[in-house]
Amino acid sequence: MIIDCHGHYTTAPAELQKFRDAQLAALKDPRLAAASAPPHISDDQIRESLEKAQLRLQRERGTDLTIFSPRASAMAHHIGNESTSLDWSRVCNDLIHRACGLYPENFVAVCQLPQSPGVPPANSAGELERCVRELGFIGCNLNPDPSGGHWTSPPLTDRHWYPLYEKMVELDVPAMVHVSSSCNPNFHATGAHYINADTTAFMQFLTADLFKDFPTLRLIIPHGGGAVPFHWGRYRGLAQDMQRPPPEEMIRNNVFFDTCVYHLPGIELLLKVVPVDNILFGSEMVGAVRGIDPRTGHYYDDTKRYLDALPLSTADRTKLFEVNARRVFPRLAAILDRRSAAGRD
C-alpha cells in the first residue's frame, strides 16, 4: 500500500469560502453574524471537487490512501478570536469528515486545531478529542505560530504546549507541525514561512528535552524538514557544541519528515542524511506547487516519481510508502488492520 501522509482539501467547494467570507465580514459588523451560518454543501459537490483533482491524481500516480486535512493556508489562526477559530475549525473538520466518509478507501482524516494567538493550547484539546473519538480522525495539524508570521508563541518545547501534548499522548495521535498563512510581508507563506517554520521547529526540538517528558509524542515536520537536510552537518555540530544528543538520536522515535520536496536532488539528499525510519512519503498534491516542471514534463508535486527513480531496497521502499506511516499513526494502522481482517472473512 502507498500512503501519502500529507494532503489538504485545497479543492473544497466554493461554499466553504463563502462561509469564511461571511464569518470575517461579521467580525467587522456583528449585524452580519446571521450570514455566517454553516455552509450547505451536498455530497455531489464534494464528489465533484475530489474526482477531478485528488482522486484523479491518486489514480494517475499510483497511490492508494491520502491522510487528509483542511487547507493549511486557510487555517489563518491570527484572524478573529478564539471563537472565530473554533467555529471555522469545526466547519472545516466536519467537511473533512464527510469527504473521508464518502471515500473511505482513499482518504483518512486529520484535523485542524482551533488555535488563536495568546490562547492556551489546552483550549484546542476539546476539538482534537471530538475529532478523534467521535469522528475517527487519526491526528492533527499543529501550528507553532498562530500569530501568522510574528512568532509570539513560546517554542514548541515550552511547557505552554504541554497540556495539548498530554491530550495527544492520551489519544495516541501525532501532529504535523504546519504553519498557516503569513500576515507578515517579509515571509511569503509557502515559499518562506512554511520552510522557516519547519527549520525552526527542528532546532527547537534539538535544544530541549521535550521527548524526555513525552517519550511517545510523535511530530512530523513537513516539506522535507525545510532547510534541515541541507544543513544536517550544522545541526550535528551545534548539538555537539551544546552537548546535546546528535540529531539522528534526538529524532529516533519522535520526529519524522515527509517527502514534500519537489525535485529529485532534494529527495536524494533527504534520504542520504535522515534515517529512512524517520521519513514518510508525502506529496501535498494540489497544494503549494501545482504546475508541471518543463524540464521533466511531470508535476512538481508528484513526489512518488522521485522515490521510484532511486535504487532503494524493497524494505526501505516499503517503510517509506507504508510501514512508517502505520507506526507514526497507530489509529491508521488499526483501521487498515480491521479492513484487512474484514477482507479475509
C-alpha atoms as a PDB file:
ATOM      1  CA  MET A   1       0.000   0.000   0.000  1.00  0.00           C
ATOM      2  CA  ILE A   2       1.186   3.526  -0.788  1.00  0.00           C
ATOM      3  CA  ILE A   3       0.134   6.034   1.867  1.00  0.00           C
ATOM      4  CA  ASP A   4       0.508   9.756   1.242  1.00  0.00           C
ATOM      5  CA  CYS A   5       0.864  11.355   4.681  1.00  0.00           C
ATOM      6  CA  HIS A   6       0.323  14.953   3.562  1.00  0.00           C
ATOM      7  CA  GLY A   7      -2.834  16.043   1.766  1.00  0.00           C
ATOM      8  CA  HIS A   8      -5.086  19.090   2.185  1.00  0.00           C
ATOM      9  CA  TYR A   9      -8.602  19.760   0.929  1.00  0.00           C
ATOM     10  CA  THR A  10      -7.477  22.617  -1.302  1.00  0.00           C
ATOM     11  CA  THR A  11     -10.302  21.995  -3.785  1.00  0.00           C
ATOM     12  CA  ALA A  12     -13.222  22.322  -1.365  1.00  0.00           C
ATOM     13  CA  PRO A  13     -16.488  23.636  -2.856  1.00  0.00           C
ATOM     14  CA  ALA A  14     -16.801  27.407  -3.101  1.00  0.00           C
ATOM     15  CA  GLU A  15     -19.486  27.424  -0.405  1.00  0.00           C
ATOM     16  CA  LEU A  16     -16.776  26.852   2.203  1.00  0.00           C
ATOM     17  CA  GLN A  17     -15.007  30.072   1.260  1.00  0.00           C
ATOM     18  CA  LYS A  18     -18.334  31.919   1.144  1.00  0.00           C
ATOM     19  CA  PHE A  19     -18.918  30.863   4.750  1.00  0.00           C
ATOM     20  CA  ARG A  20     -15.458  32.087   5.677  1.00  0.00           C
ATOM     21  CA  ASP A  21     -16.019  35.421   3.934  1.00  0.00           C
ATOM     22  CA  ALA A  22     -19.296  35.876   5.798  1.00  0.00           C
ATOM     23  CA  GLN A  23     -17.652  34.933   9.066  1.00  0.00           C
ATOM     24  CA  LEU A  24     -14.910  37.523   8.564  1.00  0.00           C
ATOM     25  CA  ALA A  25     -17.408  40.173   7.485  1.00  0.00           C
ATOM     26  CA  ALA A  26     -19.279  39.587  10.741  1.00  0.00           C
ATOM     27  CA  LEU A  27     -16.122  40.390  12.676  1.00  0.00           C
ATOM     28  CA  LYS A  28     -16.310  43.910  11.288  1.00  0.00           C
ATOM     29  CA  ASP A  29     -20.087  44.219  11.517  1.00  0.00           C
ATOM     30  CA  PRO A  30     -21.794  41.949  14.098  1.00  0.00           C
ATOM     31  CA  ARG A  31     -25.121  42.578  12.410  1.00  0.00           C
ATOM     32  CA  LEU A  32     -23.898  40.242   9.655  1.00  0.00           C
ATOM     33  CA  ALA A  33     -23.396  37.306  12.008  1.00  0.00           C
ATOM     34  CA  ALA A  34     -26.531  35.519  10.778  1.00  0.00           C
ATOM     35  CA  ALA A  35     -24.967  35.365   7.313  1.00  0.00           C
ATOM     36  CA  SER A  36     -22.177  33.117   8.598  1.00  0.00           C
ATOM     37  CA  ALA A  37     -24.376  30.067   9.182  1.00  0.00           C
ATOM     38  CA  PRO A  38     -22.670  26.715   8.368  1.00  0.00           C
ATOM     39  CA  PRO A  39     -22.350  26.199   4.608  1.00  0.00           C
ATOM     40  CA  HIS A  40     -24.732  23.952   2.701  1.00  0.00           C
ATOM     41  CA  ILE A  41     -22.568  21.580   0.665  1.00  0.00           C
ATOM     42  CA  SER A  42     -24.018  18.493  -0.974  1.00  0.00           C
ATOM     43  CA  ASP A  43     -22.332  15.117  -1.256  1.00  0.00           C
ATOM     44  CA  ASP A  44     -22.299  15.553  -5.028  1.00  0.00           C
ATOM     45  CA  GLN A  45     -20.387  18.809  -4.670  1.00  0.00           C
ATOM     46  CA  ILE A  46     -17.807  17.070  -2.513  1.00  0.00           C
ATOM     47  CA  ARG A  47     -17.501  14.254  -5.028  1.00  0.00           C
ATOM     48  CA  GLU A  48     -17.071  16.665  -7.918  1.00  0.00           C
ATOM     49  CA  SER A  49     -14.402  18.629  -6.044  1.00  0.00           C
ATOM     50  CA  LEU A  50     -12.348  15.477  -5.442  1.00  0.00           C
ATOM     51  CA  GLU A  51     -12.951  13.351  -8.538  1.00  0.00           C
ATOM     52  CA  LYS A  52     -11.287  15.843 -10.877  1.00  0.00           C
ATOM     53  CA  ALA A  53      -8.386  16.596  -8.579  1.00  0.00           C
ATOM     54  CA  GLN A  54      -7.059  14.474  -5.703  1.00  0.00           C
ATOM     55  CA  LEU A  55      -8.788  11.252  -6.734  1.00  0.00           C
ATOM     56  CA  ARG A  56      -7.702  11.619 -10.359  1.00  0.00           C
ATOM     57  CA  LEU A  57      -4.113  12.194  -9.258  1.00  0.00           C
ATOM     58  CA  GLN A  58      -4.200   9.230  -6.900  1.00  0.00           C
ATOM     59  CA  ARG A  59      -5.158   7.001  -9.823  1.00  0.00           C
ATOM     60  CA  GLU A  60      -2.649   8.531 -12.224  1.00  0.00           C
ATOM     61  CA  ARG A  61       0.254   8.426  -9.780  1.00  0.00           C
ATOM     62  CA  GLY A  62      -0.461   5.015  -8.330  1.00  0.00           C
ATOM     63  CA  THR A  63      -1.065   5.959  -4.696  1.00  0.00           C
ATOM     64  CA  ASP A  64      -3.690   4.359  -2.516  1.00  0.00           C
ATOM     65  CA  LEU A  65      -4.550   6.449   0.535  1.00  0.00           C
ATOM     66  CA  THR A  66      -4.105  10.101   1.486  1.00  0.00           C
ATOM     67  CA  ILE A  67      -4.041  11.401   5.049  1.00  0.00           C
ATOM     68  CA  PHE A  68      -6.336  14.364   4.504  1.00  0.00           C
ATOM     69  CA  SER A  69      -6.807  17.610   6.422  1.00  0.00           C
ATOM     70  CA  PRO A  70      -8.264  21.088   5.921  1.00  0.00           C
ATOM     71  CA  ARG A  71      -6.338  23.527   3.770  1.00  0.00           C
ATOM     72  CA  ALA A  72      -3.364  24.637   5.862  1.00  0.00           C
ATOM     73  CA  SER A  73      -3.006  28.149   4.482  1.00  0.00           C
ATOM     74  CA  ALA A  74      -6.683  28.805   5.223  1.00  0.00           C
ATOM     75  CA  MET A  75      -6.461  27.951   8.930  1.00  0.00           C
ATOM     76  CA  ALA A  76      -5.379  31.589   9.496  1.00  0.00           C
ATOM     77  CA  HIS A  77      -5.374  31.365  13.254  1.00  0.00           C
ATOM     78  CA  HIS A  78      -4.326  35.008  13.526  1.00  0.00           C
ATOM     79  CA  ILE A  79      -7.725  36.213  12.252  1.00  0.00           C
ATOM     80  CA  GLY A  80     -10.510  36.988  14.707  1.00  0.00           C
ATOM     81  CA  ASN A  81     -10.534  35.459  18.172  1.00  0.00           C
ATOM     82  CA  GLU A  82     -10.810  32.076  19.856  1.00  0.00           C
ATOM     83  CA  SER A  83     -14.494  31.795  18.988  1.00  0.00           C
ATOM     84  CA  THR A  84     -13.786  32.602  15.333  1.00  0.00           C
ATOM     85  CA  SER A  85     -11.149  29.904  15.183  1.00  0.00           C
ATOM     86  CA  LEU A  86     -13.302  27.288  16.873  1.00  0.00           C
ATOM     87  CA  ASP A  87     -16.261  27.876  14.562  1.00  0.00           C
ATOM     88  CA  TRP A  88     -14.024  27.812  11.482  1.00  0.00           C
ATOM     89  CA  SER A  89     -12.175  24.696  12.632  1.00  0.00           C
ATOM     90  CA  ARG A  90     -15.365  22.763  13.346  1.00  0.00           C
ATOM     91  CA  VAL A  91     -16.811  23.608   9.920  1.00  0.00           C
ATOM     92  CA  CYS A  92     -13.576  22.571   8.181  1.00  0.00           C
ATOM     93  CA  ASN A  93     -13.177  19.389  10.214  1.00  0.00           C
ATOM     94  CA  ASP A  94     -16.782  18.352   9.664  1.00  0.00           C
ATOM     95  CA  LEU A  95     -16.289  18.784   5.917  1.00  0.00           C
ATOM     96  CA  ILE A  96     -13.146  16.647   6.003  1.00  0.00           C
ATOM     97  CA  HIS A  97     -15.103  14.003   7.905  1.00  0.00           C
ATOM     98  CA  ARG A  98     -17.754  13.963   5.186  1.00  0.00           C
ATOM     99  CA  ALA A  99     -15.194  13.761   2.382  1.00  0.00           C
ATOM    100  CA  CYS A 100     -13.400  10.854   4.036  1.00  0.00           C
ATOM    101  CA  GLY A 101     -16.729   9.170   4.689  1.00  0.00           C
ATOM    102  CA  LEU A 102     -17.613   9.331   1.008  1.00  0.00           C
ATOM    103  CA  TYR A 103     -14.231   7.859   0.024  1.00  0.00           C
ATOM    104  CA  PRO A 104     -13.041   5.746   2.980  1.00  0.00           C
ATOM    105  CA  GLU A 105     -10.708   3.719   0.773  1.00  0.00           C
ATOM    106  CA  ASN A 106      -8.956   6.859  -0.468  1.00  0.00           C
ATOM    107  CA  PHE A 107      -8.836   9.265   2.467  1.00  0.00           C
ATOM    108  CA  VAL A 108      -8.411   9.226   6.226  1.00  0.00           C
ATOM    109  CA  ALA A 109      -8.842  12.375   8.296  1.00  0.00           C
ATOM    110  CA  VAL A 110      -6.542  14.682  10.248  1.00  0.00           C
ATOM    111  CA  CYS A 111      -7.979  17.740  11.973  1.00  0.00           C
ATOM    112  CA  GLN A 112      -7.366  21.460  12.164  1.00  0.00           C
ATOM    113  CA  LEU A 113      -6.971  22.791  15.697  1.00  0.00           C
ATOM    114  CA  PRO A 114      -8.842  25.925  16.852  1.00  0.00           C
ATOM    115  CA  GLN A 115      -5.716  27.784  17.889  1.00  0.00           C
ATOM    116  CA  SER A 116      -5.650  31.537  18.450  1.00  0.00           C
ATOM    117  CA  PRO A 117      -2.847  33.953  19.435  1.00  0.00           C
ATOM    118  CA  GLY A 118      -2.494  34.287  23.193  1.00  0.00           C
ATOM    119  CA  VAL A 119      -4.927  31.445  23.884  1.00  0.00           C
ATOM    120  CA  PRO A 120      -3.559  28.410  25.787  1.00  0.00           C
ATOM    121  CA  PRO A 121      -3.067  25.376  23.511  1.00  0.00           C
ATOM    122  CA  ALA A 122      -5.009  23.383  26.104  1.00  0.00           C
ATOM    123  CA  ASN A 123      -8.131  25.056  24.746  1.00  0.00           C
ATOM    124  CA  SER A 124      -7.666  23.150  21.477  1.00  0.00           C
ATOM    125  CA  ALA A 125      -7.801  19.779  23.209  1.00  0.00           C
ATOM    126  CA  GLY A 126     -11.586  19.594  23.130  1.00  0.00           C
ATOM    127  CA  GLU A 127     -11.824  19.818  19.342  1.00  0.00           C
ATOM    128  CA  LEU A 128      -8.995  17.316  18.986  1.00  0.00           C
ATOM    129  CA  GLU A 129     -10.830  14.868  21.240  1.00  0.00           C
ATOM    130  CA  ARG A 130     -14.107  15.390  19.372  1.00  0.00           C
ATOM    131  CA  CYS A 131     -12.453  14.689  16.046  1.00  0.00           C
ATOM    132  CA  VAL A 132     -10.585  11.613  17.247  1.00  0.00           C
ATOM    133  CA  ARG A 133     -13.174   9.976  19.499  1.00  0.00           C
ATOM    134  CA  GLU A 134     -16.377  10.953  17.685  1.00  0.00           C
ATOM    135  CA  LEU A 135     -15.294  11.338  14.054  1.00  0.00           C
ATOM    136  CA  GLY A 136     -12.461   8.810  13.810  1.00  0.00           C
ATOM    137  CA  PHE A 137      -9.647  11.197  12.923  1.00  0.00           C
ATOM    138  CA  ILE A 138      -6.095   9.883  13.288  1.00  0.00           C
ATOM    139  CA  GLY A 139      -4.068  13.032  14.001  1.00  0.00           C
ATOM    140  CA  CYS A 140      -3.919  16.806  13.875  1.00  0.00           C
ATOM    141  CA  ASN A 141      -2.075  19.728  12.343  1.00  0.00           C
ATOM    142  CA  LEU A 142      -0.326  21.861  14.963  1.00  0.00           C
ATOM    143  CA  ASN A 143       0.506  25.479  14.122  1.00  0.00           C
ATOM    144  CA  PRO A 144       3.643  26.586  16.032  1.00  0.00           C
ATOM    145  CA  ASP A 145       2.895  30.219  15.112  1.00  0.00           C
ATOM    146  CA  PRO A 146      -0.794  31.138  15.473  1.00  0.00           C
ATOM    147  CA  SER A 147       0.183  34.804  15.073  1.00  0.00           C
ATOM    148  CA  GLY A 148       0.681  34.329  11.328  1.00  0.00           C
ATOM    149  CA  GLY A 149       4.357  35.157  10.903  1.00  0.00           C
ATOM    150  CA  HIS A 150       5.145  37.193  14.020  1.00  0.00           C
ATOM    151  CA  TRP A 151       6.074  34.241  16.268  1.00  0.00           C
ATOM    152  CA  THR A 152       4.527  35.455  19.514  1.00  0.00           C
ATOM    153  CA  SER A 153       4.066  31.965  20.995  1.00  0.00           C
ATOM    154  CA  PRO A 154       6.700  30.206  23.129  1.00  0.00           C
ATOM    155  CA  PRO A 155       8.822  27.488  21.473  1.00  0.00           C
ATOM    156  CA  LEU A 156       7.175  24.123  20.938  1.00  0.00           C
ATOM    157  CA  THR A 157       9.340  22.722  23.718  1.00  0.00           C
ATOM    158  CA  ASP A 158       7.928  25.157  26.297  1.00  0.00           C
ATOM    159  CA  ARG A 159       5.513  23.899  28.959  1.00  0.00           C
ATOM    160  CA  HIS A 160       2.973  26.256  27.373  1.00  0.00           C
ATOM    161  CA  TRP A 161       2.246  23.426  24.905  1.00  0.00           C
ATOM    162  CA  TYR A 162       2.298  20.532  27.379  1.00  0.00           C
ATOM    163  CA  PRO A 163      -1.461  20.228  28.034  1.00  0.00           C
ATOM    164  CA  LEU A 164      -2.071  19.696  24.316  1.00  0.00           C
ATOM    165  CA  TYR A 165       0.742  17.164  24.122  1.00  0.00           C
ATOM    166  CA  GLU A 166      -0.785  15.330  27.065  1.00  0.00           C
ATOM    167  CA  LYS A 167      -4.040  15.008  25.150  1.00  0.00           C
ATOM    168  CA  MET A 168      -2.206  13.826  22.026  1.00  0.00           C
ATOM    169  CA  VAL A 169      -0.410  11.152  24.034  1.00  0.00           C
ATOM    170  CA  GLU A 170      -3.659  10.105  25.706  1.00  0.00           C
ATOM    171  CA  LEU A 171      -5.354   9.748  22.302  1.00  0.00           C
ATOM    172  CA  ASP A 172      -2.204   8.231  20.743  1.00  0.00           C
ATOM    173  CA  VAL A 173      -2.230  10.620  17.787  1.00  0.00           C
ATOM    174  CA  PRO A 174       0.638  12.521  16.150  1.00  0.00           C
ATOM    175  CA  ALA A 175       0.717  16.099  14.926  1.00  0.00           C
ATOM    176  CA  MET A 176       2.115  17.533  11.750  1.00  0.00           C
ATOM    177  CA  VAL A 177       3.867  20.793  12.666  1.00  0.00           C
ATOM    178  CA  HIS A 178       2.320  23.005  10.000  1.00  0.00           C
ATOM    179  CA  VAL A 179       2.028  26.780   9.992  1.00  0.00           C
ATOM    180  CA  SER A 180      -0.719  28.615   8.168  1.00  0.00           C
ATOM    181  CA  SER A 181      -0.849  31.839   6.174  1.00  0.00           C
ATOM    182  CA  SER A 182       1.551  34.682   6.893  1.00  0.00           C
ATOM    183  CA  CYS A 183       0.354  38.211   7.582  1.00  0.00           C
ATOM    184  CA  ASN A 184       3.971  39.380   7.814  1.00  0.00           C
ATOM    185  CA  PRO A 185       5.019  40.751   4.386  1.00  0.00           C
ATOM    186  CA  ASN A 186       8.585  39.616   4.989  1.00  0.00           C
ATOM    187  CA  PHE A 187       7.562  35.973   4.766  1.00  0.00           C
ATOM    188  CA  HIS A 188       5.847  34.579   1.691  1.00  0.00           C
ATOM    189  CA  ALA A 189       3.552  31.892   3.056  1.00  0.00           C
ATOM    190  CA  THR A 190       4.574  28.773   1.142  1.00  0.00           C
ATOM    191  CA  GLY A 191       7.977  29.899  -0.109  1.00  0.00           C
ATOM    192  CA  ALA A 192       9.377  31.232   3.158  1.00  0.00           C
ATOM    193  CA  HIS A 193       7.049  30.980   6.171  1.00  0.00           C
ATOM    194  CA  TYR A 194       6.456  27.238   5.738  1.00  0.00           C
ATOM    195  CA  ILE A 195      10.129  26.420   5.274  1.00  0.00           C
ATOM    196  CA  ASN A 196      11.172  28.754   8.112  1.00  0.00           C
ATOM    197  CA  ALA A 197       8.725  27.048  10.449  1.00  0.00           C
ATOM    198  CA  ASP A 198       9.924  23.556   9.561  1.00  0.00           C
ATOM    199  CA  THR A 199      13.526  24.542  10.217  1.00  0.00           C
ATOM    200  CA  THR A 200      12.648  26.446  13.401  1.00  0.00           C
ATOM    201  CA  ALA A 201      10.696  23.539  14.869  1.00  0.00           C
ATOM    202  CA  PHE A 202      13.580  21.157  14.317  1.00  0.00           C
ATOM    203  CA  MET A 203      16.033  23.472  16.069  1.00  0.00           C
ATOM    204  CA  GLN A 204      13.658  23.871  18.995  1.00  0.00           C
ATOM    205  CA  PHE A 205      13.476  20.098  19.398  1.00  0.00           C
ATOM    206  CA  LEU A 206      17.270  19.807  19.162  1.00  0.00           C
ATOM    207  CA  THR A 207      17.887  22.206  22.047  1.00  0.00           C
ATOM    208  CA  ALA A 208      15.410  20.907  24.629  1.00  0.00           C
ATOM    209  CA  ASP A 209      14.304  17.770  26.450  1.00  0.00           C
ATOM    210  CA  LEU A 210      10.711  17.624  25.241  1.00  0.00           C
ATOM    211  CA  PHE A 211      10.906  13.930  24.439  1.00  0.00           C
ATOM    212  CA  LYS A 212      12.194  13.018  27.882  1.00  0.00           C
ATOM    213  CA  ASP A 213       8.919  14.410  29.184  1.00  0.00           C
ATOM    214  CA  PHE A 214       6.883  12.874  26.335  1.00  0.00           C
ATOM    215  CA  PRO A 215       8.721   9.756  25.107  1.00  0.00           C
ATOM    216  CA  THR A 216       5.765   8.616  22.957  1.00  0.00           C
ATOM    217  CA  LEU A 217       4.957  12.004  21.413  1.00  0.00           C
ATOM    218  CA  ARG A 218       5.258  11.907  17.606  1.00  0.00           C
ATOM    219  CA  LEU A 219       5.658  15.033  15.474  1.00  0.00           C
ATOM    220  CA  ILE A 220       6.005  15.264  11.707  1.00  0.00           C
ATOM    221  CA  ILE A 221       7.989  18.106  10.181  1.00  0.00           C
ATOM    222  CA  PRO A 222       6.647  18.576   6.650  1.00  0.00           C
ATOM    223  CA  HIS A 223       8.190  19.788   3.393  1.00  0.00           C
ATOM    224  CA  GLY A 224      11.209  17.541   3.829  1.00  0.00           C
ATOM    225  CA  GLY A 225      12.182  19.295   7.036  1.00  0.00           C
ATOM    226  CA  GLY A 226      12.646  22.713   5.463  1.00  0.00           C
ATOM    227  CA  ALA A 227      16.351  23.585   5.407  1.00  0.00           C
ATOM    228  CA  VAL A 228      17.304  20.851   7.848  1.00  0.00           C
ATOM    229  CA  PRO A 229      18.609  18.158   5.449  1.00  0.00           C
ATOM    230  CA  PHE A 230      20.761  20.687   3.579  1.00  0.00           C
ATOM    231  CA  HIS A 231      22.336  21.811   6.867  1.00  0.00           C
ATOM    232  CA  TRP A 232      22.463  18.457   8.654  1.00  0.00           C
ATOM    233  CA  GLY A 233      26.175  18.938   9.371  1.00  0.00           C
ATOM    234  CA  ARG A 234      25.443  22.284  11.006  1.00  0.00           C
ATOM    235  CA  TYR A 235      22.867  20.675  13.291  1.00  0.00           C
ATOM    236  CA  ARG A 236      25.220  17.848  14.173  1.00  0.00           C
ATOM    237  CA  GLY A 237      27.880  20.425  15.040  1.00  0.00           C
ATOM    238  CA  LEU A 238      25.515  22.609  17.052  1.00  0.00           C
ATOM    239  CA  ALA A 239      24.289  19.600  19.007  1.00  0.00           C
ATOM    240  CA  GLN A 240      27.875  18.609  19.715  1.00  0.00           C
ATOM    241  CA  ASP A 241      28.837  22.135  20.830  1.00  0.00           C
ATOM    242  CA  MET A 242      25.817  22.328  23.128  1.00  0.00           C
ATOM    243  CA  GLN A 243      26.444  18.820  24.454  1.00  0.00           C
ATOM    244  CA  ARG A 244      23.085  17.699  23.124  1.00  0.00           C
ATOM    245  CA  PRO A 245      22.264  14.288  21.610  1.00  0.00           C
ATOM    246  CA  PRO A 246      23.087  14.057  17.888  1.00  0.00           C
ATOM    247  CA  PRO A 247      20.150  14.765  15.567  1.00  0.00           C
ATOM    248  CA  GLU A 248      19.618  11.187  14.499  1.00  0.00           C
ATOM    249  CA  GLU A 249      19.360  10.138  18.140  1.00  0.00           C
ATOM    250  CA  MET A 250      17.059  13.014  19.065  1.00  0.00           C
ATOM    251  CA  ILE A 251      14.546  12.267  16.313  1.00  0.00           C
ATOM    252  CA  ARG A 252      14.600   8.453  16.541  1.00  0.00           C
ATOM    253  CA  ASN A 253      11.167   7.762  17.999  1.00  0.00           C
ATOM    254  CA  ASN A 254       9.625  11.204  17.967  1.00  0.00           C
ATOM    255  CA  VAL A 255      10.365  13.386  14.928  1.00  0.00           C
ATOM    256  CA  PHE A 256       9.613  12.474  11.330  1.00  0.00           C
ATOM    257  CA  PHE A 257       9.948  14.143   7.938  1.00  0.00           C
ATOM    258  CA  ASP A 258       7.831  13.855   4.813  1.00  0.00           C
ATOM    259  CA  THR A 259       8.917  13.804   1.167  1.00  0.00           C
ATOM    260  CA  CYS A 260       7.189  17.019   0.051  1.00  0.00           C
ATOM    261  CA  VAL A 261      10.351  18.081  -1.752  1.00  0.00           C
ATOM    262  CA  TYR A 262       9.805  18.949  -5.373  1.00  0.00           C
ATOM    263  CA  HIS A 263      12.948  17.872  -7.170  1.00  0.00           C
ATOM    264  CA  LEU A 264      14.966  14.675  -7.307  1.00  0.00           C
ATOM    265  CA  PRO A 265      18.236  16.054  -5.843  1.00  0.00           C
ATOM    266  CA  GLY A 266      16.331  17.237  -2.767  1.00  0.00           C
ATOM    267  CA  ILE A 267      14.797  13.804  -2.238  1.00  0.00           C
ATOM    268  CA  GLU A 268      18.202  12.175  -2.686  1.00  0.00           C
ATOM    269  CA  LEU A 269      19.714  14.452  -0.048  1.00  0.00           C
ATOM    270  CA  LEU A 270      16.850  13.847   2.371  1.00  0.00           C
ATOM    271  CA  LEU A 271      17.376  10.095   2.143  1.00  0.00           C
ATOM    272  CA  LYS A 272      21.145  10.411   2.479  1.00  0.00           C
ATOM    273  CA  VAL A 273      21.109  12.304   5.762  1.00  0.00           C
ATOM    274  CA  VAL A 274      17.844  11.432   7.538  1.00  0.00           C
ATOM    275  CA  PRO A 275      17.351   7.803   8.651  1.00  0.00           C
ATOM    276  CA  VAL A 276      14.806   6.062   6.445  1.00  0.00           C
ATOM    277  CA  ASP A 277      12.834   5.041   9.539  1.00  0.00           C
ATOM    278  CA  ASN A 278      12.060   8.726  10.088  1.00  0.00           C
ATOM    279  CA  ILE A 279      10.735   9.557   6.624  1.00  0.00           C
ATOM    280  CA  LEU A 280       7.137   9.237   5.416  1.00  0.00           C
ATOM    281  CA  PHE A 281       6.011   9.507   1.825  1.00  0.00           C
ATOM    282  CA  GLY A 282       4.052  12.698   1.265  1.00  0.00           C
ATOM    283  CA  SER A 283       3.213  14.880  -1.719  1.00  0.00           C
ATOM    284  CA  GLU A 284       0.882  17.713  -0.592  1.00  0.00           C
ATOM    285  CA  MET A 285      -0.652  17.333  -4.047  1.00  0.00           C
ATOM    286  CA  VAL A 286      -2.792  20.161  -5.368  1.00  0.00           C
ATOM    287  CA  GLY A 287      -1.083  22.293  -2.769  1.00  0.00           C
ATOM    288  CA  ALA A 288       1.620  24.931  -2.730  1.00  0.00           C
ATOM    289  CA  VAL A 289       3.072  23.986  -6.125  1.00  0.00           C
ATOM    290  CA  ARG A 290       0.581  22.837  -8.737  1.00  0.00           C
ATOM    291  CA  GLY A 291       2.390  23.259 -12.035  1.00  0.00           C
ATOM    292  CA  ILE A 292       4.310  20.978 -14.384  1.00  0.00           C
ATOM    293  CA  ASP A 293       8.102  21.088 -14.416  1.00  0.00           C
ATOM    294  CA  PRO A 294       9.131  21.964 -18.004  1.00  0.00           C
ATOM    295  CA  ARG A 295      12.391  20.060 -17.518  1.00  0.00           C
ATOM    296  CA  THR A 296      10.648  16.763 -16.828  1.00  0.00           C
ATOM    297  CA  GLY A 297       7.116  17.186 -18.172  1.00  0.00           C
ATOM    298  CA  HIS A 298       5.712  15.989 -14.840  1.00  0.00           C
ATOM    299  CA  TYR A 299       4.047  17.741 -11.930  1.00  0.00           C
ATOM    300  CA  TYR A 300       6.496  19.095  -9.360  1.00  0.00           C
ATOM    301  CA  ASP A 301       4.421  17.579  -6.557  1.00  0.00           C
ATOM    302  CA  ASP A 302       4.463  14.050  -7.990  1.00  0.00           C
ATOM    303  CA  THR A 303       6.986  13.018  -5.349  1.00  0.00           C
ATOM    304  CA  LYS A 304       6.399   9.312  -5.882  1.00  0.00           C
ATOM    305  CA  ARG A 305       8.241   9.602  -9.200  1.00  0.00           C
ATOM    306  CA  TYR A 306      11.357  10.785  -7.394  1.00  0.00           C
ATOM    307  CA  LEU A 307      11.290   7.860  -4.994  1.00  0.00           C
ATOM    308  CA  ASP A 308      10.604   5.426  -7.824  1.00  0.00           C
ATOM    309  CA  ALA A 309      13.747   6.711  -9.564  1.00  0.00           C
ATOM    310  CA  LEU A 310      16.013   5.869  -6.619  1.00  0.00           C
ATOM    311  CA  PRO A 311      17.745   2.495  -6.115  1.00  0.00           C
ATOM    312  CA  LEU A 312      16.020   1.738  -2.826  1.00  0.00           C
ATOM    313  CA  SER A 313      15.807  -1.685  -1.269  1.00  0.00           C
ATOM    314  CA  THR A 314      12.402  -3.310  -1.104  1.00  0.00           C
ATOM    315  CA  ALA A 315      12.462  -2.995   2.679  1.00  0.00           C
ATOM    316  CA  ASP A 316      13.243   0.733   2.584  1.00  0.00           C
ATOM    317  CA  ARG A 317      10.673   1.400  -0.104  1.00  0.00           C
ATOM    318  CA  THR A 318       8.020  -0.355   1.989  1.00  0.00           C
ATOM    319  CA  LYS A 319       8.972   1.691   5.035  1.00  0.00           C
ATOM    320  CA  LEU A 320       8.654   4.961   3.118  1.00  0.00           C
ATOM    321  CA  PHE A 321       5.343   4.103   1.491  1.00  0.00           C
ATOM    322  CA  GLU A 322       3.544   2.250   4.287  1.00  0.00           C
ATOM    323  CA  VAL A 323       5.327   0.912   7.356  1.00  0.00           C
ATOM    324  CA  ASN A 324       6.460   4.264   8.767  1.00  0.00           C
ATOM    325  CA  ALA A 325       3.005   5.794   8.355  1.00  0.00           C
ATOM    326  CA  ARG A 326       1.476   2.881  10.236  1.00  0.00           C
ATOM    327  CA  ARG A 327       3.996   3.368  13.047  1.00  0.00           C
ATOM    328  CA  VAL A 328       3.501   7.128  13.327  1.00  0.00           C
ATOM    329  CA  PHE A 329      -0.310   6.897  13.034  1.00  0.00           C
ATOM    330  CA  PRO A 330      -1.396   3.916  15.195  1.00  0.00           C
ATOM    331  CA  ARG A 331      -5.055   4.708  14.606  1.00  0.00           C
ATOM    332  CA  LEU A 332      -4.445   4.401  10.876  1.00  0.00           C
ATOM    333  CA  ALA A 333      -2.761   1.049  11.414  1.00  0.00           C
ATOM    334  CA  ALA A 334      -5.820  -0.111  13.368  1.00  0.00           C
ATOM    335  CA  ILE A 335      -8.147   0.986  10.556  1.00  0.00           C
ATOM    336  CA  LEU A 336      -6.094  -0.818   7.920  1.00  0.00           C
ATOM    337  CA  ASP A 337      -5.800  -3.943  10.051  1.00  0.00           C
ATOM    338  CA  ARG A 338      -9.582  -4.044  10.512  1.00  0.00           C
ATOM    339  CA  ARG A 339     -10.099  -3.674   6.766  1.00  0.00           C
ATOM    340  CA  SER A 340      -7.620  -6.437   6.086  1.00  0.00           C
ATOM    341  CA  ALA A 341      -9.330  -8.752   8.582  1.00  0.00           C
ATOM    342  CA  ALA A 342     -12.730  -7.985   7.091  1.00  0.00           C
ATOM    343  CA  GLY A 343     -11.393  -8.800   3.636  1.00  0.00           C
ATOM    344  CA  ARG A 344     -10.271 -12.218   4.813  1.00  0.00           C
ATOM    345  CA  ASP A 345     -13.656 -13.060   6.343  1.00  0.00           C
END
